[in-house]
Amino acid sequence: MAQAKGTSASEGPYDATTLAKKHRISVEDAKQIIAQYGDDRKSADKAARRIAA
């Protein structure tokens, strides 16, 4: 899939599967994190790291 000019994959909300794979957590946990933090990737990553630890 092509990216629009001037955008990157790190912008916008996470996909639950992507977050789960990145942090090796369950997809269900990733969905809960996304529901809580929305499109704030920095906060979602931080929450996922807490679960993965």
N, C-alpha and C. Protein backbone atom coordinates (compact mmCIF):
# COMPACT_ATOMS: atom_id res chain seq x y z
N MET A 1 0.85 -1.17 0.00
CA MET A 1 0.00 0.00 0.00
C MET A 1 0.90 1.24 0.00
N ALA A 2 0.62 2.16 -0.84
CA ALA A 2 1.42 3.37 -0.96
C ALA A 2 1.04 4.39 0.09
N GLN A 3 2.02 5.10 0.58
CA GLN A 3 1.80 6.18 1.54
C GLN A 3 1.57 7.47 0.78
N ALA A 4 0.72 8.31 1.30
CA ALA A 4 0.51 9.63 0.70
C ALA A 4 1.78 10.45 0.91
N LYS A 5 2.06 11.33 -0.02
CA LYS A 5 3.26 12.14 0.06
C LYS A 5 3.23 13.00 1.33
N GLY A 6 4.32 12.97 2.08
CA GLY A 6 4.42 13.78 3.29
C GLY A 6 3.90 13.09 4.54
N THR A 7 3.50 11.84 4.43
CA THR A 7 3.04 11.12 5.62
C THR A 7 3.94 9.92 5.86
N SER A 8 3.89 9.43 7.06
CA SER A 8 4.67 8.24 7.37
C SER A 8 3.79 7.24 8.08
N ALA A 9 4.25 6.02 8.17
CA ALA A 9 3.49 4.96 8.82
C ALA A 9 3.35 5.21 10.32
N SER A 10 4.19 6.06 10.88
CA SER A 10 4.15 6.32 12.32
C SER A 10 3.12 7.38 12.70
N GLU A 11 2.40 7.90 11.73
CA GLU A 11 1.37 8.89 12.01
C GLU A 11 0.02 8.21 12.06
N GLY A 12 -0.88 8.74 12.86
CA GLY A 12 -2.23 8.20 12.93
C GLY A 12 -2.34 7.08 13.94
N PRO A 13 -3.54 6.54 14.08
CA PRO A 13 -3.78 5.52 15.10
C PRO A 13 -3.12 4.19 14.77
N TYR A 14 -2.82 3.44 15.80
CA TYR A 14 -2.25 2.11 15.67
C TYR A 14 -3.31 1.13 15.22
N ASP A 15 -2.87 0.10 14.52
CA ASP A 15 -3.66 -1.09 14.29
C ASP A 15 -3.34 -2.03 15.45
N ALA A 16 -4.36 -2.71 15.99
CA ALA A 16 -4.15 -3.56 17.16
C ALA A 16 -3.12 -4.66 16.90
N THR A 17 -3.16 -5.24 15.72
CA THR A 17 -2.21 -6.31 15.39
C THR A 17 -0.78 -5.77 15.36
N THR A 18 -0.59 -4.60 14.80
CA THR A 18 0.74 -3.99 14.72
C THR A 18 1.28 -3.72 16.12
N LEU A 19 0.47 -3.13 16.97
CA LEU A 19 0.89 -2.84 18.35
C LEU A 19 1.21 -4.13 19.09
N ALA A 20 0.37 -5.15 18.92
CA ALA A 20 0.59 -6.42 19.60
C ALA A 20 1.89 -7.08 19.17
N LYS A 21 2.16 -7.08 17.87
CA LYS A 21 3.39 -7.70 17.38
C LYS A 21 4.62 -6.92 17.83
N LYS A 22 4.53 -5.59 17.78
CA LYS A 22 5.67 -4.75 18.15
C LYS A 22 6.10 -5.00 19.58
N HIS A 23 5.13 -5.17 20.48
CA HIS A 23 5.45 -5.28 21.90
C HIS A 23 5.26 -6.69 22.45
N ARG A 24 4.92 -7.62 21.56
CA ARG A 24 4.71 -9.02 21.94
C ARG A 24 3.68 -9.15 23.06
N ILE A 25 2.54 -8.53 22.83
CA ILE A 25 1.41 -8.64 23.74
C ILE A 25 0.23 -9.21 22.97
N SER A 26 -0.84 -9.58 23.65
CA SER A 26 -2.00 -10.13 22.95
C SER A 26 -2.74 -9.04 22.18
N VAL A 27 -3.44 -9.45 21.15
CA VAL A 27 -4.23 -8.52 20.35
C VAL A 27 -5.33 -7.90 21.22
N GLU A 28 -5.87 -8.67 22.15
CA GLU A 28 -6.91 -8.16 23.05
C GLU A 28 -6.36 -7.04 23.92
N ASP A 29 -5.15 -7.23 24.45
CA ASP A 29 -4.51 -6.17 25.24
C ASP A 29 -4.26 -4.94 24.38
N ALA A 30 -3.81 -5.16 23.15
CA ALA A 30 -3.55 -4.04 22.24
C ALA A 30 -4.83 -3.27 21.94
N LYS A 31 -5.93 -3.97 21.76
CA LYS A 31 -7.22 -3.31 21.50
C LYS A 31 -7.63 -2.44 22.68
N GLN A 32 -7.40 -2.94 23.89
CA GLN A 32 -7.74 -2.17 25.09
C GLN A 32 -6.88 -0.92 25.19
N ILE A 33 -5.61 -1.05 24.88
CA ILE A 33 -4.71 0.11 24.91
C ILE A 33 -5.15 1.15 23.89
N ILE A 34 -5.47 0.72 22.68
CA ILE A 34 -5.90 1.64 21.63
C ILE A 34 -7.21 2.31 22.01
N ALA A 35 -8.12 1.55 22.64
CA ALA A 35 -9.39 2.14 23.08
C ALA A 35 -9.15 3.22 24.12
N GLN A 36 -8.14 3.02 24.97
CA GLN A 36 -7.86 3.97 26.04
C GLN A 36 -7.08 5.19 25.53
N TYR A 37 -6.08 4.97 24.68
CA TYR A 37 -5.18 6.06 24.28
C TYR A 37 -5.44 6.61 22.88
N GLY A 38 -6.30 5.95 22.11
CA GLY A 38 -6.65 6.45 20.79
C GLY A 38 -5.44 6.55 19.87
N ASP A 39 -5.28 7.70 19.22
CA ASP A 39 -4.20 7.84 18.23
C ASP A 39 -2.91 8.40 18.82
N ASP A 40 -2.79 8.40 20.13
CA ASP A 40 -1.55 8.84 20.79
C ASP A 40 -0.57 7.67 20.84
N ARG A 41 0.25 7.55 19.80
CA ARG A 41 1.17 6.41 19.69
C ARG A 41 2.18 6.36 20.84
N LYS A 42 2.66 7.49 21.27
CA LYS A 42 3.66 7.52 22.34
C LYS A 42 3.09 6.91 23.63
N SER A 43 1.89 7.32 23.99
CA SER A 43 1.25 6.78 25.19
C SER A 43 0.89 5.31 25.02
N ALA A 44 0.44 4.94 23.83
CA ALA A 44 0.10 3.53 23.57
C ALA A 44 1.34 2.65 23.67
N ASP A 45 2.46 3.11 23.12
CA ASP A 45 3.71 2.35 23.23
C ASP A 45 4.13 2.20 24.68
N LYS A 46 4.00 3.27 25.45
CA LYS A 46 4.38 3.23 26.85
C LYS A 46 3.53 2.23 27.63
N ALA A 47 2.22 2.25 27.37
CA ALA A 47 1.32 1.31 28.04
C ALA A 47 1.61 -0.13 27.63
N ALA A 48 1.92 -0.34 26.37
CA ALA A 48 2.23 -1.69 25.88
C ALA A 48 3.53 -2.20 26.51
N ARG A 49 4.51 -1.32 26.67
CA ARG A 49 5.77 -1.73 27.32
C ARG A 49 5.52 -2.15 28.76
N ARG A 50 4.61 -1.47 29.45
CA ARG A 50 4.29 -1.84 30.84
C ARG A 50 3.67 -3.24 30.90
N ILE A 51 2.81 -3.55 29.93
CA ILE A 51 2.17 -4.87 29.91
C ILE A 51 3.18 -5.95 29.56
N ALA A 52 4.05 -5.65 28.60
CA ALA A 52 5.01 -6.64 28.11
C ALA A 52 6.08 -6.97 29.16
N ALA A 53 6.35 -6.06 30.06
CA ALA A 53 7.42 -6.26 31.04
C ALA A 53 7.06 -7.29 32.09
